[in-house]
Amino acid sequence: MDLIISKRIKELRMEHGLSTNKLSNMAGLSQSYVRKLENGECTPTVESLELLCQALGITFEDFVNYKDKSLLQLQAIKIIGKMSDSQLDGFCKLMHMDADENM
């Protein structure tokens, strides 16, 4: 599972002062499942994310927005950070071409 999602689940749980047991009970999920989600050992379903958001009293949009960035943007940053210089150069050229085409 993507570690950004795992970290986000744990961060939100801790911000709300909840144990994994309390959050899992509130969401109607097993404690072992919530722990696995937080440890990146499994991928959440859309339904389980919705249940977690409801238990935390947040919207799904609140879940995916992280410090003014979406999870998709954070994933892109993570991937870009792993690129070699030549891969990054090619990526930048590709993005520049796409930007020119959209104008």
PDB file of N, CA and C in Angstrom:
ATOM      1  N   MET A   1       0.846  -1.186   0.000  1.00  0.00           N
ATOM      2  CA  MET A   1       0.000   0.000   0.000  1.00  0.00           C
ATOM      3  C   MET A   1       0.879   1.233   0.000  1.00  0.00           C
ATOM      4  N   ASP A   2       0.372   2.278  -0.537  1.00  0.00           N
ATOM      5  CA  ASP A   2       1.112   3.526  -0.567  1.00  0.00           C
ATOM      6  C   ASP A   2       1.329   4.043   0.849  1.00  0.00           C
ATOM      7  N   LEU A   3       2.563   4.357   1.178  1.00  0.00           N
ATOM      8  CA  LEU A   3       2.889   4.801   2.525  1.00  0.00           C
ATOM      9  C   LEU A   3       2.280   6.146   2.870  1.00  0.00           C
ATOM     10  N   ILE A   4       1.987   6.957   1.863  1.00  0.00           N
ATOM     11  CA  ILE A   4       1.358   8.246   2.131  1.00  0.00           C
ATOM     12  C   ILE A   4      -0.035   8.032   2.721  1.00  0.00           C
ATOM     13  N   ILE A   5      -0.784   7.081   2.183  1.00  0.00           N
ATOM     14  CA  ILE A   5      -2.120   6.785   2.711  1.00  0.00           C
ATOM     15  C   ILE A   5      -2.003   6.222   4.119  1.00  0.00           C
ATOM     16  N   SER A   6      -1.044   5.320   4.334  1.00  0.00           N
ATOM     17  CA  SER A   6      -0.830   4.731   5.661  1.00  0.00           C
ATOM     18  C   SER A   6      -0.537   5.807   6.692  1.00  0.00           C
ATOM     19  N   LYS A   7       0.392   6.682   6.344  1.00  0.00           N
ATOM     20  CA  LYS A   7       0.757   7.764   7.261  1.00  0.00           C
ATOM     21  C   LYS A   7      -0.422   8.683   7.525  1.00  0.00           C
ATOM     22  N   ARG A   8      -1.207   8.938   6.497  1.00  0.00           N
ATOM     23  CA  ARG A   8      -2.354   9.844   6.636  1.00  0.00           C
ATOM     24  C   ARG A   8      -3.385   9.263   7.598  1.00  0.00           C
ATOM     25  N   ILE A   9      -3.655   7.972   7.497  1.00  0.00           N
ATOM     26  CA  ILE A   9      -4.616   7.329   8.396  1.00  0.00           C
ATOM     27  C   ILE A   9      -4.124   7.457   9.839  1.00  0.00           C
ATOM     28  N   LYS A  10      -2.865   7.122  10.056  1.00  0.00           N
ATOM     29  CA  LYS A  10      -2.315   7.173  11.407  1.00  0.00           C
ATOM     30  C   LYS A  10      -2.284   8.606  11.935  1.00  0.00           C
ATOM     31  N   GLU A  11      -1.881   9.530  11.091  1.00  0.00           N
ATOM     32  CA  GLU A  11      -1.817  10.938  11.500  1.00  0.00           C
ATOM     33  C   GLU A  11      -3.180  11.443  11.947  1.00  0.00           C
ATOM     34  N   LEU A  12      -4.203  11.157  11.160  1.00  0.00           N
ATOM     35  CA  LEU A  12      -5.552  11.615  11.497  1.00  0.00           C
ATOM     36  C   LEU A  12      -6.057  10.951  12.778  1.00  0.00           C
ATOM     37  N   ARG A  13      -5.775   9.671  12.934  1.00  0.00           N
ATOM     38  CA  ARG A  13      -6.190   8.964  14.145  1.00  0.00           C
ATOM     39  C   ARG A  13      -5.563   9.613  15.374  1.00  0.00           C
ATOM     40  N   MET A  14      -4.267   9.886  15.277  1.00  0.00           N
ATOM     41  CA  MET A  14      -3.562  10.474  16.407  1.00  0.00           C
ATOM     42  C   MET A  14      -4.020  11.911  16.679  1.00  0.00           C
ATOM     43  N   GLU A  15      -4.287  12.668  15.605  1.00  0.00           N
ATOM     44  CA  GLU A  15      -4.797  14.042  15.774  1.00  0.00           C
ATOM     45  C   GLU A  15      -6.102  14.049  16.554  1.00  0.00           C
ATOM     46  N   HIS A  16      -6.909  12.998  16.365  1.00  0.00           N
ATOM     47  CA  HIS A  16      -8.197  12.900  17.046  1.00  0.00           C
ATOM     48  C   HIS A  16      -8.069  12.215  18.405  1.00  0.00           C
ATOM     49  N   GLY A  17      -6.848  11.862  18.791  1.00  0.00           N
ATOM     50  CA  GLY A  17      -6.606  11.256  20.093  1.00  0.00           C
ATOM     51  C   GLY A  17      -7.221   9.883  20.255  1.00  0.00           C
ATOM     52  N   LEU A  18      -7.241   9.124  19.171  1.00  0.00           N
ATOM     53  CA  LEU A  18      -7.868   7.802  19.187  1.00  0.00           C
ATOM     54  C   LEU A  18      -6.836   6.684  19.143  1.00  0.00           C
ATOM     55  N   SER A  19      -7.137   5.606  19.816  1.00  0.00           N
ATOM     56  CA  SER A  19      -6.335   4.394  19.688  1.00  0.00           C
ATOM     57  C   SER A  19      -6.810   3.654  18.442  1.00  0.00           C
ATOM     58  N   THR A  20      -6.043   2.703  17.984  1.00  0.00           N
ATOM     59  CA  THR A  20      -6.502   1.902  16.835  1.00  0.00           C
ATOM     60  C   THR A  20      -7.768   1.147  17.203  1.00  0.00           C
ATOM     61  N   ASN A  21      -7.859   0.717  18.456  1.00  0.00           N
ATOM     62  CA  ASN A  21      -9.041  -0.004  18.911  1.00  0.00           C
ATOM     63  C   ASN A  21     -10.282   0.883  18.847  1.00  0.00           C
ATOM     64  N   LYS A  22     -10.161   2.106  19.349  1.00  0.00           N
ATOM     65  CA  LYS A  22     -11.298   3.036  19.358  1.00  0.00           C
ATOM     66  C   LYS A  22     -11.715   3.395  17.928  1.00  0.00           C
ATOM     67  N   LEU A  23     -10.744   3.724  17.078  1.00  0.00           N
ATOM     68  CA  LEU A  23     -11.068   4.077  15.694  1.00  0.00           C
ATOM     69  C   LEU A  23     -11.713   2.900  14.972  1.00  0.00           C
ATOM     70  N   SER A  24     -11.171   1.718  15.148  1.00  0.00           N
ATOM     71  CA  SER A  24     -11.736   0.553  14.460  1.00  0.00           C
ATOM     72  C   SER A  24     -13.172   0.302  14.915  1.00  0.00           C
ATOM     73  N   ASN A  25     -13.446   0.450  16.214  1.00  0.00           N
ATOM     74  CA  ASN A  25     -14.820   0.285  16.717  1.00  0.00           C
ATOM     75  C   ASN A  25     -15.746   1.341  16.129  1.00  0.00           C
ATOM     76  N   MET A  26     -15.292   2.576  16.089  1.00  0.00           N
ATOM     77  CA  MET A  26     -16.111   3.670  15.553  1.00  0.00           C
ATOM     78  C   MET A  26     -16.405   3.470  14.071  1.00  0.00           C
ATOM     79  N   ALA A  27     -15.438   2.899  13.341  1.00  0.00           N
ATOM     80  CA  ALA A  27     -15.589   2.712  11.894  1.00  0.00           C
ATOM     81  C   ALA A  27     -16.241   1.374  11.538  1.00  0.00           C
ATOM     82  N   GLY A  28     -16.368   0.495  12.519  1.00  0.00           N
ATOM     83  CA  GLY A  28     -16.942  -0.822  12.234  1.00  0.00           C
ATOM     84  C   GLY A  28     -15.967  -1.730  11.499  1.00  0.00           C
ATOM     85  N   LEU A  29     -14.682  -1.516  11.741  1.00  0.00           N
ATOM     86  CA  LEU A  29     -13.628  -2.318  11.109  1.00  0.00           C
ATOM     87  C   LEU A  29     -12.861  -3.048  12.210  1.00  0.00           C
ATOM     88  N   SER A  30     -12.165  -4.096  11.845  1.00  0.00           N
ATOM     89  CA  SER A  30     -11.379  -4.797  12.856  1.00  0.00           C
ATOM     90  C   SER A  30     -10.124  -4.000  13.200  1.00  0.00           C
ATOM     91  N   GLN A  31      -9.680  -4.131  14.437  1.00  0.00           N
ATOM     92  CA  GLN A  31      -8.481  -3.434  14.874  1.00  0.00           C
ATOM     93  C   GLN A  31      -7.266  -3.909  14.082  1.00  0.00           C
ATOM     94  N   SER A  32      -7.204  -5.202  13.800  1.00  0.00           N
ATOM     95  CA  SER A  32      -6.054  -5.718  13.039  1.00  0.00           C
ATOM     96  C   SER A  32      -6.020  -5.118  11.635  1.00  0.00           C
ATOM     97  N   TYR A  33      -7.195  -4.898  11.035  1.00  0.00           N
ATOM     98  CA  TYR A  33      -7.253  -4.292   9.706  1.00  0.00           C
ATOM     99  C   TYR A  33      -6.749  -2.849   9.752  1.00  0.00           C
ATOM    100  N   VAL A  34      -7.177  -2.083  10.753  1.00  0.00           N
ATOM    101  CA  VAL A  34      -6.723  -0.692  10.881  1.00  0.00           C
ATOM    102  C   VAL A  34      -5.215  -0.657  11.101  1.00  0.00           C
ATOM    103  N   ARG A  35      -4.706  -1.550  11.924  1.00  0.00           N
ATOM    104  CA  ARG A  35      -3.257  -1.607  12.144  1.00  0.00           C
ATOM    105  C   ARG A  35      -2.518  -1.938  10.850  1.00  0.00           C
ATOM    106  N   LYS A  36      -3.055  -2.885  10.083  1.00  0.00           N
ATOM    107  CA  LYS A  36      -2.423  -3.239   8.805  1.00  0.00           C
ATOM    108  C   LYS A  36      -2.443  -2.059   7.842  1.00  0.00           C
ATOM    109  N   LEU A  37      -3.536  -1.313   7.838  1.00  0.00           N
ATOM    110  CA  LEU A  37      -3.610  -0.120   6.980  1.00  0.00           C
ATOM    111  C   LEU A  37      -2.534   0.879   7.371  1.00  0.00           C
ATOM    112  N   GLU A  38      -2.411   1.129   8.668  1.00  0.00           N
ATOM    113  CA  GLU A  38      -1.434   2.101   9.145  1.00  0.00           C
ATOM    114  C   GLU A  38       0.005   1.651   8.904  1.00  0.00           C
ATOM    115  N   ASN A  39       0.226   0.358   8.884  1.00  0.00           N
ATOM    116  CA  ASN A  39       1.574  -0.177   8.665  1.00  0.00           C
ATOM    117  C   ASN A  39       1.870  -0.422   7.185  1.00  0.00           C
ATOM    118  N   GLY A  40       0.914  -0.112   6.315  1.00  0.00           N
ATOM    119  CA  GLY A  40       1.120  -0.290   4.882  1.00  0.00           C
ATOM    120  C   GLY A  40       1.110  -1.731   4.441  1.00  0.00           C
ATOM    121  N   GLU A  41       0.483  -2.600   5.228  1.00  0.00           N
ATOM    122  CA  GLU A  41       0.476  -4.027   4.929  1.00  0.00           C
ATOM    123  C   GLU A  41      -0.675  -4.451   4.028  1.00  0.00           C
ATOM    124  N   CYS A  42      -1.632  -3.562   3.822  1.00  0.00           N
ATOM    125  CA  CYS A  42      -2.743  -3.869   2.918  1.00  0.00           C
ATOM    126  C   CYS A  42      -3.282  -2.578   2.323  1.00  0.00           C
ATOM    127  N   THR A  43      -4.031  -2.714   1.278  1.00  0.00           N
ATOM    128  CA  THR A  43      -4.596  -1.565   0.570  1.00  0.00           C
ATOM    129  C   THR A  43      -6.040  -1.371   1.013  1.00  0.00           C
ATOM    130  N   PRO A  44      -6.405  -0.152   1.399  1.00  0.00           N
ATOM    131  CA  PRO A  44      -7.786   0.069   1.834  1.00  0.00           C
ATOM    132  C   PRO A  44      -8.747   0.054   0.665  1.00  0.00           C
ATOM    133  N   THR A  45      -9.945  -0.379   0.931  1.00  0.00           N
ATOM    134  CA  THR A  45     -11.008  -0.268  -0.064  1.00  0.00           C
ATOM    135  C   THR A  45     -11.594   1.135   0.038  1.00  0.00           C
ATOM    136  N   VAL A  46     -12.313   1.545  -0.968  1.00  0.00           N
ATOM    137  CA  VAL A  46     -12.988   2.842  -0.922  1.00  0.00           C
ATOM    138  C   VAL A  46     -13.967   2.847   0.248  1.00  0.00           C
ATOM    139  N   GLU A  47     -14.645   1.722   0.444  1.00  0.00           N
ATOM    140  CA  GLU A  47     -15.625   1.628   1.524  1.00  0.00           C
ATOM    141  C   GLU A  47     -14.959   1.792   2.885  1.00  0.00           C
ATOM    142  N   SER A  48     -13.798   1.158   3.083  1.00  0.00           N
ATOM    143  CA  SER A  48     -13.135   1.268   4.385  1.00  0.00           C
ATOM    144  C   SER A  48     -12.624   2.689   4.615  1.00  0.00           C
ATOM    145  N   LEU A  49     -12.147   3.352   3.559  1.00  0.00           N
ATOM    146  CA  LEU A  49     -11.728   4.751   3.713  1.00  0.00           C
ATOM    147  C   LEU A  49     -12.913   5.642   4.057  1.00  0.00           C
ATOM    148  N   GLU A  50     -14.057   5.371   3.443  1.00  0.00           N
ATOM    149  CA  GLU A  50     -15.258   6.148   3.757  1.00  0.00           C
ATOM    150  C   GLU A  50     -15.664   5.946   5.212  1.00  0.00           C
ATOM    151  N   LEU A  51     -15.584   4.694   5.700  1.00  0.00           N
ATOM    152  CA  LEU A  51     -15.923   4.398   7.095  1.00  0.00           C
ATOM    153  C   LEU A  51     -14.959   5.102   8.052  1.00  0.00           C
ATOM    154  N   LEU A  52     -13.674   5.099   7.711  1.00  0.00           N
ATOM    155  CA  LEU A  52     -12.685   5.774   8.553  1.00  0.00           C
ATOM    156  C   LEU A  52     -12.938   7.280   8.580  1.00  0.00           C
ATOM    157  N   CYS A  53     -13.234   7.852   7.421  1.00  0.00           N
ATOM    158  CA  CYS A  53     -13.522   9.292   7.357  1.00  0.00           C
ATOM    159  C   CYS A  53     -14.746   9.635   8.202  1.00  0.00           C
ATOM    160  N   GLN A  54     -15.793   8.830   8.103  1.00  0.00           N
ATOM    161  CA  GLN A  54     -16.993   9.072   8.903  1.00  0.00           C
ATOM    162  C   GLN A  54     -16.667   8.998  10.391  1.00  0.00           C
ATOM    163  N   ALA A  55     -15.889   7.990  10.780  1.00  0.00           N
ATOM    164  CA  ALA A  55     -15.521   7.825  12.190  1.00  0.00           C
ATOM    165  C   ALA A  55     -14.692   9.012  12.688  1.00  0.00           C
ATOM    166  N   LEU A  56     -13.878   9.563  11.813  1.00  0.00           N
ATOM    167  CA  LEU A  56     -13.030  10.700  12.175  1.00  0.00           C
ATOM    168  C   LEU A  56     -13.763  12.039  12.046  1.00  0.00           C
ATOM    169  N   GLY A  57     -14.957  12.006  11.474  1.00  0.00           N
ATOM    170  CA  GLY A  57     -15.736  13.223  11.316  1.00  0.00           C
ATOM    171  C   GLY A  57     -15.190  14.147  10.253  1.00  0.00           C
ATOM    172  N   ILE A  58     -14.599  13.551   9.222  1.00  0.00           N
ATOM    173  CA  ILE A  58     -14.046  14.350   8.124  1.00  0.00           C
ATOM    174  C   ILE A  58     -14.623  13.870   6.801  1.00  0.00           C
ATOM    175  N   THR A  59     -14.486  14.692   5.789  1.00  0.00           N
ATOM    176  CA  THR A  59     -14.905  14.290   4.450  1.00  0.00           C
ATOM    177  C   THR A  59     -13.744  13.569   3.763  1.00  0.00           C
ATOM    178  N   PHE A  60     -14.066  12.872   2.692  1.00  0.00           N
ATOM    179  CA  PHE A  60     -13.015  12.210   1.920  1.00  0.00           C
ATOM    180  C   PHE A  60     -12.062  13.254   1.347  1.00  0.00           C
ATOM    181  N   GLU A  61     -12.603  14.414   0.990  1.00  0.00           N
ATOM    182  CA  GLU A  61     -11.765  15.501   0.482  1.00  0.00           C
ATOM    183  C   GLU A  61     -10.756  15.947   1.542  1.00  0.00           C
ATOM    184  N   ASP A  62     -11.197  16.018   2.797  1.00  0.00           N
ATOM    185  CA  ASP A  62     -10.275  16.348   3.885  1.00  0.00           C
ATOM    186  C   ASP A  62      -9.175  15.294   4.001  1.00  0.00           C
ATOM    187  N   PHE A  63      -9.554  14.043   3.776  1.00  0.00           N
ATOM    188  CA  PHE A  63      -8.576  12.966   3.870  1.00  0.00           C
ATOM    189  C   PHE A  63      -7.498  13.105   2.800  1.00  0.00           C
ATOM    190  N   VAL A  64      -7.902  13.369   1.568  1.00  0.00           N
ATOM    191  CA  VAL A  64      -6.931  13.402   0.472  1.00  0.00           C
ATOM    192  C   VAL A  64      -6.163  14.708   0.368  1.00  0.00           C
ATOM    193  N   ASN A  65      -6.637  15.756   1.027  1.00  0.00           N
ATOM    194  CA  ASN A  65      -5.895  17.011   1.035  1.00  0.00           C
ATOM    195  C   ASN A  65      -4.976  17.026   2.247  1.00  0.00           C
ATOM    196  N   TYR A  66      -3.709  17.163   1.984  1.00  0.00           N
ATOM    197  CA  TYR A  66      -2.691  17.035   3.015  1.00  0.00           C
ATOM    198  C   TYR A  66      -1.765  18.233   2.934  1.00  0.00           C
ATOM    199  N   LYS A  67      -1.887  19.113   3.910  1.00  0.00           N
ATOM    200  CA  LYS A  67      -1.033  20.304   3.948  1.00  0.00           C
ATOM    201  C   LYS A  67      -1.029  21.036   2.603  1.00  0.00           C
ATOM    202  N   ASP A  68      -2.227  21.315   2.111  1.00  0.00           N
ATOM    203  CA  ASP A  68      -2.435  22.044   0.860  1.00  0.00           C
ATOM    204  C   ASP A  68      -2.014  21.273  -0.391  1.00  0.00           C
ATOM    205  N   LYS A  69      -1.804  19.970  -0.262  1.00  0.00           N
ATOM    206  CA  LYS A  69      -1.488  19.154  -1.430  1.00  0.00           C
ATOM    207  C   LYS A  69      -2.382  17.927  -1.412  1.00  0.00           C
ATOM    208  N   SER A  70      -2.749  17.455  -2.588  1.00  0.00           N
ATOM    209  CA  SER A  70      -3.529  16.230  -2.661  1.00  0.00           C
ATOM    210  C   SER A  70      -2.584  15.043  -2.567  1.00  0.00           C
ATOM    211  N   LEU A  71      -3.129  13.889  -2.237  1.00  0.00           N
ATOM    212  CA  LEU A  71      -2.306  12.683  -2.168  1.00  0.00           C
ATOM    213  C   LEU A  71      -1.684  12.373  -3.525  1.00  0.00           C
ATOM    214  N   LEU A  72      -2.387  12.690  -4.597  1.00  0.00           N
ATOM    215  CA  LEU A  72      -1.840  12.464  -5.933  1.00  0.00           C
ATOM    216  C   LEU A  72      -0.614  13.336  -6.164  1.00  0.00           C
ATOM    217  N   GLN A  73      -0.670  14.584  -5.729  1.00  0.00           N
ATOM    218  CA  GLN A  73       0.496  15.467  -5.864  1.00  0.00           C
ATOM    219  C   GLN A  73       1.658  14.945  -5.034  1.00  0.00           C
ATOM    220  N   LEU A  74       1.370  14.461  -3.829  1.00  0.00           N
ATOM    221  CA  LEU A  74       2.434  13.928  -2.976  1.00  0.00           C
ATOM    222  C   LEU A  74       3.069  12.690  -3.589  1.00  0.00           C
ATOM    223  N   GLN A  75       2.251  11.839  -4.209  1.00  0.00           N
ATOM    224  CA  GLN A  75       2.797  10.655  -4.887  1.00  0.00           C
ATOM    225  C   GLN A  75       3.703  11.077  -6.033  1.00  0.00           C
ATOM    226  N   ALA A  76       3.281  12.095  -6.787  1.00  0.00           N
ATOM    227  CA  ALA A  76       4.097  12.581  -7.898  1.00  0.00           C
ATOM    228  C   ALA A  76       5.428  13.121  -7.393  1.00  0.00           C
ATOM    229  N   ILE A  77       5.392  13.863  -6.298  1.00  0.00           N
ATOM    230  CA  ILE A  77       6.629  14.401  -5.720  1.00  0.00           C
ATOM    231  C   ILE A  77       7.556  13.261  -5.308  1.00  0.00           C
ATOM    232  N   LYS A  78       6.981  12.236  -4.706  1.00  0.00           N
ATOM    233  CA  LYS A  78       7.770  11.079  -4.269  1.00  0.00           C
ATOM    234  C   LYS A  78       8.420  10.388  -5.463  1.00  0.00           C
ATOM    235  N   ILE A  79       7.677  10.205  -6.539  1.00  0.00           N
ATOM    236  CA  ILE A  79       8.207   9.545  -7.734  1.00  0.00           C
ATOM    237  C   ILE A  79       9.283  10.402  -8.387  1.00  0.00           C
ATOM    238  N   ILE A  80       9.016  11.692  -8.514  1.00  0.00           N
ATOM    239  CA  ILE A  80       9.984  12.597  -9.135  1.00  0.00           C
ATOM    240  C   ILE A  80      11.285  12.615  -8.347  1.00  0.00           C
ATOM    241  N   GLY A  81      11.177  12.543  -7.032  1.00  0.00           N
ATOM    242  CA  GLY A  81      12.369  12.536  -6.188  1.00  0.00           C
ATOM    243  C   GLY A  81      13.269  11.332  -6.405  1.00  0.00           C
ATOM    244  N   LYS A  82      12.731  10.266  -6.955  1.00  0.00           N
ATOM    245  CA  LYS A  82      13.505   9.047  -7.195  1.00  0.00           C
ATOM    246  C   LYS A  82      14.097   8.990  -8.607  1.00  0.00           C
ATOM    247  N   MET A  83      13.782   9.968  -9.442  1.00  0.00           N
ATOM    248  CA  MET A  83      14.253   9.961 -10.831  1.00  0.00           C
ATOM    249  C   MET A  83      15.725  10.335 -10.918  1.00  0.00           C
ATOM    250  N   SER A  84      16.382   9.726 -11.903  1.00  0.00           N
ATOM    251  CA  SER A  84      17.760  10.119 -12.197  1.00  0.00           C
ATOM    252  C   SER A  84      17.716  11.470 -12.914  1.00  0.00           C
ATOM    253  N   ASP A  85      18.874  12.093 -13.069  1.00  0.00           N
ATOM    254  CA  ASP A  85      18.917  13.387 -13.760  1.00  0.00           C
ATOM    255  C   ASP A  85      18.389  13.281 -15.182  1.00  0.00           C
ATOM    256  N   SER A  86      18.743  12.210 -15.882  1.00  0.00           N
ATOM    257  CA  SER A  86      18.283  12.073 -17.271  1.00  0.00           C
ATOM    258  C   SER A  86      16.775  11.802 -17.321  1.00  0.00           C
ATOM    259  N   GLN A  87      16.263  11.030 -16.374  1.00  0.00           N
ATOM    260  CA  GLN A  87      14.818  10.797 -16.330  1.00  0.00           C
ATOM    261  C   GLN A  87      14.079  12.090 -16.013  1.00  0.00           C
ATOM    262  N   LEU A  88      14.624  12.855 -15.097  1.00  0.00           N
ATOM    263  CA  LEU A  88      14.005  14.122 -14.718  1.00  0.00           C
ATOM    264  C   LEU A  88      14.012  15.095 -15.892  1.00  0.00           C
ATOM    265  N   ASP A  89      15.105  15.119 -16.639  1.00  0.00           N
ATOM    266  CA  ASP A  89      15.200  15.982 -17.816  1.00  0.00           C
ATOM    267  C   ASP A  89      14.129  15.596 -18.837  1.00  0.00           C
ATOM    268  N   GLY A  90      13.985  14.300 -19.098  1.00  0.00           N
ATOM    269  CA  GLY A  90      12.967  13.828 -20.036  1.00  0.00           C
ATOM    270  C   GLY A  90      11.562  14.151 -19.561  1.00  0.00           C
ATOM    271  N   PHE A  91      11.346  13.995 -18.268  1.00  0.00           N
ATOM    272  CA  PHE A  91      10.044  14.307 -17.683  1.00  0.00           C
ATOM    273  C   PHE A  91       9.714  15.788 -17.854  1.00  0.00           C
ATOM    274  N   CYS A  92      10.690  16.642 -17.568  1.00  0.00           N
ATOM    275  CA  CYS A  92      10.480  18.090 -17.704  1.00  0.00           C
ATOM    276  C   CYS A  92      10.168  18.469 -19.154  1.00  0.00           C
ATOM    277  N   LYS A  93      10.879  17.852 -20.092  1.00  0.00           N
ATOM    278  CA  LYS A  93      10.607  18.122 -21.514  1.00  0.00           C
ATOM    279  C   LYS A  93       9.195  17.685 -21.871  1.00  0.00           C
ATOM    280  N   LEU A  94       8.791  16.517 -21.385  1.00  0.00           N
ATOM    281  CA  LEU A  94       7.448  16.013 -21.651  1.00  0.00           C
ATOM    282  C   LEU A  94       6.396  16.953 -21.066  1.00  0.00           C
ATOM    283  N   MET A  95       6.601  17.397 -19.851  1.00  0.00           N
ATOM    284  CA  MET A  95       5.634  18.292 -19.205  1.00  0.00           C
ATOM    285  C   MET A  95       5.571  19.632 -19.930  1.00  0.00           C
ATOM    286  N   HIS A  96       6.700  20.113 -20.417  1.00  0.00           N
ATOM    287  CA  HIS A  96       6.727  21.370 -21.151  1.00  0.00           C
ATOM    288  C   HIS A  96       5.968  21.240 -22.457  1.00  0.00           C
ATOM    289  N   MET A  97       6.117  20.102 -23.152  1.00  0.00           N
ATOM    290  CA  MET A  97       5.401  19.871 -24.397  1.00  0.00           C
ATOM    291  C   MET A  97       3.902  19.843 -24.124  1.00  0.00           C
ATOM    292  N   ASP A  98       3.479  19.149 -23.056  1.00  0.00           N
ATOM    293  CA  ASP A  98       2.061  19.077 -22.729  1.00  0.00           C
ATOM    294  C   ASP A  98       1.518  20.448 -22.396  1.00  0.00           C
ATOM    295  N   ALA A  99       2.289  21.268 -21.706  1.00  0.00           N
ATOM    296  CA  ALA A  99       1.854  22.617 -21.352  1.00  0.00           C
ATOM    297  C   ALA A  99       1.669  23.460 -22.606  1.00  0.00           C
ATOM    298  N   ASP A 100       2.597  23.317 -23.569  1.00  0.00           N
ATOM    299  CA  ASP A 100       2.498  24.064 -24.819  1.00  0.00           C
ATOM    300  C   ASP A 100       1.255  23.644 -25.616  1.00  0.00           C
ATOM    301  N   GLU A 101       0.933  22.341 -25.599  1.00  0.00           N
ATOM    302  CA  GLU A 101      -0.215  21.839 -26.339  1.00  0.00           C
ATOM    303  C   GLU A 101      -1.523  22.314 -25.742  1.00  0.00           C
ATOM    304  N   ASN A 102      -1.546  22.547 -24.449  1.00  0.00           N
ATOM    305  CA  ASN A 102      -2.774  22.969 -23.768  1.00  0.00           C
ATOM    306  C   ASN A 102      -3.008  24.468 -23.861  1.00  0.00           C
ATOM    307  N   MET A 103      -2.093  25.202 -24.443  1.00  0.00           N
ATOM    308  CA  MET A 103      -2.260  26.651 -24.526  1.00  0.00           C
ATOM    309  C   MET A 103      -3.040  27.011 -25.755  1.00  0.00           C
TER     310      MET A 103
END
